[in-house]
Structure formats: C-alpha cells, structure tokens
Amino acid sequence: MYTLATLGGRVDQVATARDTYHHGDLRAACLNAALELLEEGDEAGLSLRAVARRAGVSPNAPYRHYSDKDDLLAALATHGFQDLRRTLLAAEATAAPGEELATLAQAYVRFALDHQALFRLMFGRPCDDRHPETRAAADETYAVLAARVAAVNTRLGSRQAAFMAGSWALVHGLASLVLYGKLARDSNPGEVSTLVKAVVDAMCGPA
C-alpha cells in the first residue's frame, strides 16, 4: 500500500511541498487513494477532492492525471481488469493438469469477493471510445479465459466464439450470484470454490 511516508510526503507539509511527487508517484498515490475510498464505500462517494485529501496532496493535484471523475473511474476499472488478468494467469500457472478452467473460474469468483466494490465498478461501466485503455484491459482479461476454453474445446469450429462467450457468461454469472448473495449464501471460501468447480465441470466438462 502506498503511504505518505513511502511517497516522501508529510501531512503537515504545505500544499506546494506536498505536490512535489515524481510524475509517476502522484498518479499511483491518487489511484491508491481512490481504491481505498472505493473499498470503504462506493463510487458515489468518490471525487477528485476526496482522493486529494486521502492522498495528502492539494485539491488540484489529481487533475494533473484525471480531467474529471469519469477519468478517475475509468482508471480504476482499467486497474481492476489488469489485476484480474494477473490473478487469472497466476491461477492458471499453478492449476493441476486438467483443472485449469475450473481453477480460473475459482480465481475469478474469489477476485469478485475480495474486491467487491471494484468488481462492480469494472462491469458496471461501459467500455466506451473515450477510454480505450479500459476496453483493451477488459479484452486482455477475456483473452485469458478464451484461450483456456479454446485449448479445452478444439473441435467446436464455428461455434468456438459462442462457446467462449458462454463460458465467460457462466463464470461471471457465478461470481455475480455469489457476490450478491443469491448463490452459496453464508458459505465459506472453500465451499464457494467447491461449488464453482462443480458447476464448471457440470456445464463445460472437466478440462
């Protein structure tokens, strides 16, 4: 976690001194502050001024990187997709042979539960032309699942794309149902993972 100490700032410094972060550090500090605020509430309570207060910088400092709240939310969503992609790749790398798809699904659901506000933000925002980096990050995340589905099902031919989309819908649907308490309510993480594997195996067949 970024802190004022690691970024070289102090709460009691004057605003001009607090803004003397290196270019990359200020952006990272603002994004980290926004993530903390998002986890504590939701996107409705986010503002560039609130981020500035949490990061310990002057009210105008975040505007160096984010022109408005929409830019900030897009940056959060982009970060979320990048983090989810890394999570999926790490899970796939450690999966037992034949269990890769179920392991990816379990990691996807765990990510949703561990980062609930961020997950809702990621999939609640449209990937529009104003923020192509968010669309690209989402596509790269989907590509991890798509590649695994393609590896498992090599004989689908023209149905491959539809099966890939359906597999993502299945995994995302499981994550949403668990996240909103409609499925596996009050279950511990181990029970949730067991359920996710059982559903994926039943619907897609063991990898």
C-alpha atoms as a PDB file:
ATOM      1  CA  MET A   1       0.000   0.000   0.000  1.00  0.00           C
ATOM      2  CA  TYR A   2       1.240   3.468  -0.827  1.00  0.00           C
ATOM      3  CA  THR A   3       1.610   5.758   2.150  1.00  0.00           C
ATOM      4  CA  LEU A   4       2.728   9.340   2.634  1.00  0.00           C
ATOM      5  CA  ALA A   5       5.921   8.014   4.152  1.00  0.00           C
ATOM      6  CA  THR A   6       6.816   5.839   1.181  1.00  0.00           C
ATOM      7  CA  LEU A   7       5.958   8.625  -1.227  1.00  0.00           C
ATOM      8  CA  GLY A   8       8.109  11.126   0.633  1.00  0.00           C
ATOM      9  CA  GLY A   9       5.301  13.380   1.834  1.00  0.00           C
ATOM     10  CA  ARG A  10       4.106  14.525   5.243  1.00  0.00           C
ATOM     11  CA  VAL A  11       0.617  15.531   6.332  1.00  0.00           C
ATOM     12  CA  ASP A  12       1.808  18.816   7.807  1.00  0.00           C
ATOM     13  CA  GLN A  13       3.682  19.949   4.715  1.00  0.00           C
ATOM     14  CA  VAL A  14       2.272  22.916   2.837  1.00  0.00           C
ATOM     15  CA  ALA A  15       0.376  22.215  -0.376  1.00  0.00           C
ATOM     16  CA  THR A  16       3.175  23.236  -2.721  1.00  0.00           C
ATOM     17  CA  ALA A  17       5.576  20.886  -0.995  1.00  0.00           C
ATOM     18  CA  ARG A  18       3.030  18.066  -0.957  1.00  0.00           C
ATOM     19  CA  ASP A  19       2.718  18.307  -4.727  1.00  0.00           C
ATOM     20  CA  THR A  20       6.409  17.661  -5.385  1.00  0.00           C
ATOM     21  CA  TYR A  21       5.898  13.953  -6.088  1.00  0.00           C
ATOM     22  CA  HIS A  22       7.566  12.443  -9.076  1.00  0.00           C
ATOM     23  CA  HIS A  23       5.212  12.223 -12.029  1.00  0.00           C
ATOM     24  CA  GLY A  24       4.502   8.516 -11.658  1.00  0.00           C
ATOM     25  CA  ASP A  25       4.240   8.635  -7.881  1.00  0.00           C
ATOM     26  CA  LEU A  26       1.443  11.207  -7.873  1.00  0.00           C
ATOM     27  CA  ARG A  27      -0.644   9.148 -10.271  1.00  0.00           C
ATOM     28  CA  ALA A  28      -0.054   5.993  -8.227  1.00  0.00           C
ATOM     29  CA  ALA A  29      -0.839   7.768  -4.972  1.00  0.00           C
ATOM     30  CA  CYS A  30      -4.119   9.126  -6.349  1.00  0.00           C
ATOM     31  CA  LEU A  31      -5.137   5.753  -7.742  1.00  0.00           C
ATOM     32  CA  ASN A  32      -4.320   4.038  -4.468  1.00  0.00           C
ATOM     33  CA  ALA A  33      -6.332   6.621  -2.541  1.00  0.00           C
ATOM     34  CA  ALA A  34      -9.266   6.127  -4.903  1.00  0.00           C
ATOM     35  CA  LEU A  35      -9.113   2.352  -4.427  1.00  0.00           C
ATOM     36  CA  GLU A  36      -9.178   2.763  -0.646  1.00  0.00           C
ATOM     37  CA  LEU A  37     -12.159   5.115  -0.818  1.00  0.00           C
ATOM     38  CA  LEU A  38     -13.963   2.765  -3.191  1.00  0.00           C
ATOM     39  CA  GLU A  39     -13.446  -0.184  -0.850  1.00  0.00           C
ATOM     40  CA  GLU A  40     -14.788   1.854   2.067  1.00  0.00           C
ATOM     41  CA  GLY A  41     -17.938   2.952   0.260  1.00  0.00           C
ATOM     42  CA  ASP A  42     -18.848   3.041  -3.397  1.00  0.00           C
ATOM     43  CA  GLU A  43     -18.230   5.135  -6.474  1.00  0.00           C
ATOM     44  CA  ALA A  44     -20.920   7.646  -5.489  1.00  0.00           C
ATOM     45  CA  GLY A  45     -18.682   8.864  -2.676  1.00  0.00           C
ATOM     46  CA  LEU A  46     -15.632   9.242  -4.875  1.00  0.00           C
ATOM     47  CA  SER A  47     -14.457  12.646  -6.006  1.00  0.00           C
ATOM     48  CA  LEU A  48     -11.134  14.108  -7.049  1.00  0.00           C
ATOM     49  CA  ARG A  49     -11.156  16.298  -3.943  1.00  0.00           C
ATOM     50  CA  ALA A  50     -11.740  13.291  -1.706  1.00  0.00           C
ATOM     51  CA  VAL A  51      -8.882  11.495  -3.442  1.00  0.00           C
ATOM     52  CA  ALA A  52      -6.637  14.513  -2.916  1.00  0.00           C
ATOM     53  CA  ARG A  53      -7.442  14.575   0.784  1.00  0.00           C
ATOM     54  CA  ARG A  54      -6.767  10.849   1.164  1.00  0.00           C
ATOM     55  CA  ALA A  55      -3.508  11.062  -0.810  1.00  0.00           C
ATOM     56  CA  GLY A  56      -2.359  14.089   1.167  1.00  0.00           C
ATOM     57  CA  VAL A  57      -1.981  16.410  -1.805  1.00  0.00           C
ATOM     58  CA  SER A  58      -3.537  19.724  -2.759  1.00  0.00           C
ATOM     59  CA  PRO A  59      -7.098  19.708  -4.174  1.00  0.00           C
ATOM     60  CA  ASN A  60      -5.880  20.428  -7.699  1.00  0.00           C
ATOM     61  CA  ALA A  61      -3.133  17.803  -7.805  1.00  0.00           C
ATOM     62  CA  PRO A  62      -5.267  14.873  -9.125  1.00  0.00           C
ATOM     63  CA  TYR A  63      -6.311  16.973 -12.116  1.00  0.00           C
ATOM     64  CA  ARG A  64      -2.795  16.557 -13.477  1.00  0.00           C
ATOM     65  CA  HIS A  65      -3.761  12.985 -14.388  1.00  0.00           C
ATOM     66  CA  TYR A  66      -7.578  12.884 -14.329  1.00  0.00           C
ATOM     67  CA  SER A  67      -9.628  15.549 -16.040  1.00  0.00           C
ATOM     68  CA  ASP A  68     -12.787  14.595 -14.164  1.00  0.00           C
ATOM     69  CA  LYS A  69     -14.394  11.864 -12.071  1.00  0.00           C
ATOM     70  CA  ASP A  70     -15.180   9.802 -15.143  1.00  0.00           C
ATOM     71  CA  ASP A  71     -11.483   9.616 -15.992  1.00  0.00           C
ATOM     72  CA  LEU A  72     -10.734   8.509 -12.453  1.00  0.00           C
ATOM     73  CA  LEU A  73     -13.387   5.778 -12.546  1.00  0.00           C
ATOM     74  CA  ALA A  74     -12.071   4.571 -15.900  1.00  0.00           C
ATOM     75  CA  ALA A  75      -8.564   4.357 -14.436  1.00  0.00           C
ATOM     76  CA  LEU A  76      -9.915   2.312 -11.536  1.00  0.00           C
ATOM     77  CA  ALA A  77     -11.726  -0.035 -13.909  1.00  0.00           C
ATOM     78  CA  THR A  78      -8.601  -0.406 -16.032  1.00  0.00           C
ATOM     79  CA  HIS A  79      -6.556  -1.225 -12.944  1.00  0.00           C
ATOM     80  CA  GLY A  80      -9.178  -3.765 -11.905  1.00  0.00           C
ATOM     81  CA  PHE A  81      -9.113  -5.606 -15.225  1.00  0.00           C
ATOM     82  CA  GLN A  82      -5.318  -5.654 -15.235  1.00  0.00           C
ATOM     83  CA  ASP A  83      -5.276  -7.034 -11.707  1.00  0.00           C
ATOM     84  CA  LEU A  84      -7.904  -9.653 -12.561  1.00  0.00           C
ATOM     85  CA  ARG A  85      -5.874 -10.722 -15.597  1.00  0.00           C
ATOM     86  CA  ARG A  86      -2.771 -11.164 -13.452  1.00  0.00           C
ATOM     87  CA  THR A  87      -4.827 -13.142 -10.935  1.00  0.00           C
ATOM     88  CA  LEU A  88      -6.142 -15.468 -13.644  1.00  0.00           C
ATOM     89  CA  LEU A  89      -2.720 -16.029 -15.167  1.00  0.00           C
ATOM     90  CA  ALA A  90      -1.234 -16.848 -11.765  1.00  0.00           C
ATOM     91  CA  ALA A  91      -4.058 -19.280 -11.044  1.00  0.00           C
ATOM     92  CA  GLU A  92      -3.698 -20.972 -14.418  1.00  0.00           C
ATOM     93  CA  ALA A  93       0.050 -21.359 -13.919  1.00  0.00           C
ATOM     94  CA  THR A  94      -0.452 -23.276 -10.676  1.00  0.00           C
ATOM     95  CA  ALA A  95      -3.505 -25.321 -11.712  1.00  0.00           C
ATOM     96  CA  ALA A  96      -3.337 -29.097 -11.695  1.00  0.00           C
ATOM     97  CA  PRO A  97      -3.355 -30.678 -15.167  1.00  0.00           C
ATOM     98  CA  GLY A  98      -6.915 -30.938 -16.394  1.00  0.00           C
ATOM     99  CA  GLU A  99      -8.199 -28.457 -13.794  1.00  0.00           C
ATOM    100  CA  GLU A 100      -7.193 -25.208 -15.491  1.00  0.00           C
ATOM    101  CA  LEU A 101     -10.659 -23.988 -16.478  1.00  0.00           C
ATOM    102  CA  ALA A 102     -12.213 -24.696 -13.084  1.00  0.00           C
ATOM    103  CA  THR A 103      -9.215 -23.084 -11.374  1.00  0.00           C
ATOM    104  CA  LEU A 104      -9.628 -19.958 -13.483  1.00  0.00           C
ATOM    105  CA  ALA A 105     -13.305 -19.821 -12.565  1.00  0.00           C
ATOM    106  CA  GLN A 106     -12.491 -20.187  -8.861  1.00  0.00           C
ATOM    107  CA  ALA A 107      -9.922 -17.383  -9.079  1.00  0.00           C
ATOM    108  CA  TYR A 108     -12.421 -15.158 -10.908  1.00  0.00           C
ATOM    109  CA  VAL A 109     -15.052 -15.638  -8.205  1.00  0.00           C
ATOM    110  CA  ARG A 110     -12.529 -15.112  -5.407  1.00  0.00           C
ATOM    111  CA  PHE A 111     -11.434 -11.859  -7.043  1.00  0.00           C
ATOM    112  CA  ALA A 112     -15.043 -10.674  -7.123  1.00  0.00           C
ATOM    113  CA  LEU A 113     -15.484 -11.447  -3.430  1.00  0.00           C
ATOM    114  CA  ASP A 114     -12.144  -9.936  -2.404  1.00  0.00           C
ATOM    115  CA  HIS A 115     -12.671  -6.722  -4.395  1.00  0.00           C
ATOM    116  CA  GLN A 116     -16.430  -6.285  -4.367  1.00  0.00           C
ATOM    117  CA  ALA A 117     -16.733  -2.550  -4.989  1.00  0.00           C
ATOM    118  CA  LEU A 118     -14.038  -2.606  -7.663  1.00  0.00           C
ATOM    119  CA  PHE A 119     -15.624  -5.622  -9.383  1.00  0.00           C
ATOM    120  CA  ARG A 120     -18.991  -3.863  -9.526  1.00  0.00           C
ATOM    121  CA  LEU A 121     -17.327  -0.765 -10.948  1.00  0.00           C
ATOM    122  CA  MET A 122     -15.411  -2.727 -13.583  1.00  0.00           C
ATOM    123  CA  PHE A 123     -18.514  -4.364 -15.013  1.00  0.00           C
ATOM    124  CA  GLY A 124     -20.957  -1.571 -14.292  1.00  0.00           C
ATOM    125  CA  ARG A 125     -19.220   0.921 -16.571  1.00  0.00           C
ATOM    126  CA  PRO A 126     -19.499   0.909 -20.352  1.00  0.00           C
ATOM    127  CA  CYS A 127     -16.239   0.435 -22.256  1.00  0.00           C
ATOM    128  CA  ASP A 128     -16.683   3.481 -24.490  1.00  0.00           C
ATOM    129  CA  ASP A 129     -14.400   5.150 -27.036  1.00  0.00           C
ATOM    130  CA  ARG A 130     -13.349   7.823 -24.570  1.00  0.00           C
ATOM    131  CA  HIS A 131     -11.348   5.275 -22.565  1.00  0.00           C
ATOM    132  CA  PRO A 132      -9.855   2.738 -24.998  1.00  0.00           C
ATOM    133  CA  GLU A 133      -7.380   1.607 -22.352  1.00  0.00           C
ATOM    134  CA  THR A 134     -10.257   0.235 -20.270  1.00  0.00           C
ATOM    135  CA  ARG A 135     -11.682  -1.652 -23.234  1.00  0.00           C
ATOM    136  CA  ALA A 136      -8.224  -3.037 -24.027  1.00  0.00           C
ATOM    137  CA  ALA A 137      -7.703  -4.187 -20.431  1.00  0.00           C
ATOM    138  CA  ALA A 138     -11.111  -5.898 -20.434  1.00  0.00           C
ATOM    139  CA  ASP A 139     -10.347  -7.605 -23.747  1.00  0.00           C
ATOM    140  CA  GLU A 140      -6.981  -8.842 -22.469  1.00  0.00           C
ATOM    141  CA  THR A 141      -8.684 -10.287 -19.400  1.00  0.00           C
ATOM    142  CA  TYR A 142     -11.286 -12.055 -21.524  1.00  0.00           C
ATOM    143  CA  ALA A 143      -8.491 -13.396 -23.726  1.00  0.00           C
ATOM    144  CA  VAL A 144      -7.082 -15.396 -20.800  1.00  0.00           C
ATOM    145  CA  LEU A 145     -10.380 -17.232 -20.366  1.00  0.00           C
ATOM    146  CA  ALA A 146     -10.909 -17.524 -24.119  1.00  0.00           C
ATOM    147  CA  ALA A 147      -7.501 -19.115 -24.649  1.00  0.00           C
ATOM    148  CA  ARG A 148      -8.184 -21.713 -21.968  1.00  0.00           C
ATOM    149  CA  VAL A 149     -11.630 -22.509 -23.374  1.00  0.00           C
ATOM    150  CA  ALA A 150     -10.129 -22.841 -26.860  1.00  0.00           C
ATOM    151  CA  ALA A 151      -7.477 -25.214 -25.538  1.00  0.00           C
ATOM    152  CA  VAL A 152     -10.103 -27.371 -23.870  1.00  0.00           C
ATOM    153  CA  ASN A 153     -12.519 -27.478 -26.808  1.00  0.00           C
ATOM    154  CA  THR A 154     -10.634 -27.851 -30.070  1.00  0.00           C
ATOM    155  CA  ARG A 155     -13.460 -29.320 -32.168  1.00  0.00           C
ATOM    156  CA  LEU A 156     -16.103 -26.623 -31.915  1.00  0.00           C
ATOM    157  CA  GLY A 157     -15.319 -24.995 -35.265  1.00  0.00           C
ATOM    158  CA  SER A 158     -17.670 -22.116 -35.973  1.00  0.00           C
ATOM    159  CA  ARG A 159     -19.206 -22.466 -32.506  1.00  0.00           C
ATOM    160  CA  GLN A 160     -15.919 -21.652 -30.762  1.00  0.00           C
ATOM    161  CA  ALA A 161     -16.611 -17.928 -30.287  1.00  0.00           C
ATOM    162  CA  ALA A 162     -20.104 -18.596 -28.944  1.00  0.00           C
ATOM    163  CA  PHE A 163     -18.790 -21.202 -26.527  1.00  0.00           C
ATOM    164  CA  MET A 164     -16.084 -18.808 -25.325  1.00  0.00           C
ATOM    165  CA  ALA A 165     -18.642 -16.081 -24.677  1.00  0.00           C
ATOM    166  CA  GLY A 166     -20.906 -18.581 -22.942  1.00  0.00           C
ATOM    167  CA  SER A 167     -18.068 -19.764 -20.729  1.00  0.00           C
ATOM    168  CA  TRP A 168     -17.305 -16.201 -19.643  1.00  0.00           C
ATOM    169  CA  ALA A 169     -21.013 -15.632 -19.004  1.00  0.00           C
ATOM    170  CA  LEU A 170     -21.070 -18.761 -16.840  1.00  0.00           C
ATOM    171  CA  VAL A 171     -18.034 -17.740 -14.776  1.00  0.00           C
ATOM    172  CA  HIS A 172     -19.160 -14.131 -14.447  1.00  0.00           C
ATOM    173  CA  GLY A 173     -22.673 -15.219 -13.586  1.00  0.00           C
ATOM    174  CA  LEU A 174     -21.363 -17.422 -10.797  1.00  0.00           C
ATOM    175  CA  ALA A 175     -19.286 -14.533  -9.451  1.00  0.00           C
ATOM    176  CA  SER A 176     -22.273 -12.167  -9.547  1.00  0.00           C
ATOM    177  CA  LEU A 177     -24.664 -14.630  -7.932  1.00  0.00           C
ATOM    178  CA  VAL A 178     -22.231 -15.282  -5.093  1.00  0.00           C
ATOM    179  CA  LEU A 179     -21.358 -11.607  -4.766  1.00  0.00           C
ATOM    180  CA  TYR A 180     -24.989 -10.563  -4.439  1.00  0.00           C
ATOM    181  CA  GLY A 181     -25.842 -13.357  -2.018  1.00  0.00           C
ATOM    182  CA  LYS A 182     -28.066 -15.295  -4.410  1.00  0.00           C
ATOM    183  CA  LEU A 183     -25.857 -18.378  -4.502  1.00  0.00           C
ATOM    184  CA  ALA A 184     -23.674 -20.011  -1.845  1.00  0.00           C
ATOM    185  CA  ARG A 185     -25.052 -17.536   0.680  1.00  0.00           C
ATOM    186  CA  ASP A 186     -23.176 -17.657   4.005  1.00  0.00           C
ATOM    187  CA  SER A 187     -20.727 -20.205   2.573  1.00  0.00           C
ATOM    188  CA  ASN A 188     -17.063 -20.038   3.440  1.00  0.00           C
ATOM    189  CA  PRO A 189     -14.448 -19.544   0.674  1.00  0.00           C
ATOM    190  CA  GLY A 190     -13.679 -23.259   0.493  1.00  0.00           C
ATOM    191  CA  GLU A 191     -17.317 -24.150  -0.049  1.00  0.00           C
ATOM    192  CA  VAL A 192     -17.669 -21.455  -2.696  1.00  0.00           C
ATOM    193  CA  SER A 193     -14.642 -22.804  -4.580  1.00  0.00           C
ATOM    194  CA  THR A 194     -16.027 -26.333  -4.414  1.00  0.00           C
ATOM    195  CA  LEU A 195     -19.372 -25.151  -5.781  1.00  0.00           C
ATOM    196  CA  VAL A 196     -17.735 -23.187  -8.609  1.00  0.00           C
ATOM    197  CA  LYS A 197     -15.682 -26.199  -9.677  1.00  0.00           C
ATOM    198  CA  ALA A 198     -18.716 -28.468  -9.600  1.00  0.00           C
ATOM    199  CA  VAL A 199     -20.754 -26.081 -11.742  1.00  0.00           C
ATOM    200  CA  VAL A 200     -17.965 -25.544 -14.298  1.00  0.00           C
ATOM    201  CA  ASP A 201     -17.309 -29.283 -14.561  1.00  0.00           C
ATOM    202  CA  ALA A 202     -21.016 -29.984 -14.951  1.00  0.00           C
ATOM    203  CA  MET A 203     -21.545 -27.331 -17.631  1.00  0.00           C
ATOM    204  CA  CYS A 204     -18.277 -27.477 -19.552  1.00  0.00           C
ATOM    205  CA  GLY A 205     -16.857 -30.843 -18.575  1.00  0.00           C
ATOM    206  CA  PRO A 206     -13.514 -31.331 -16.851  1.00  0.00           C
ATOM    207  CA  ALA A 207     -10.617 -29.758 -18.737  1.00  0.00           C
END
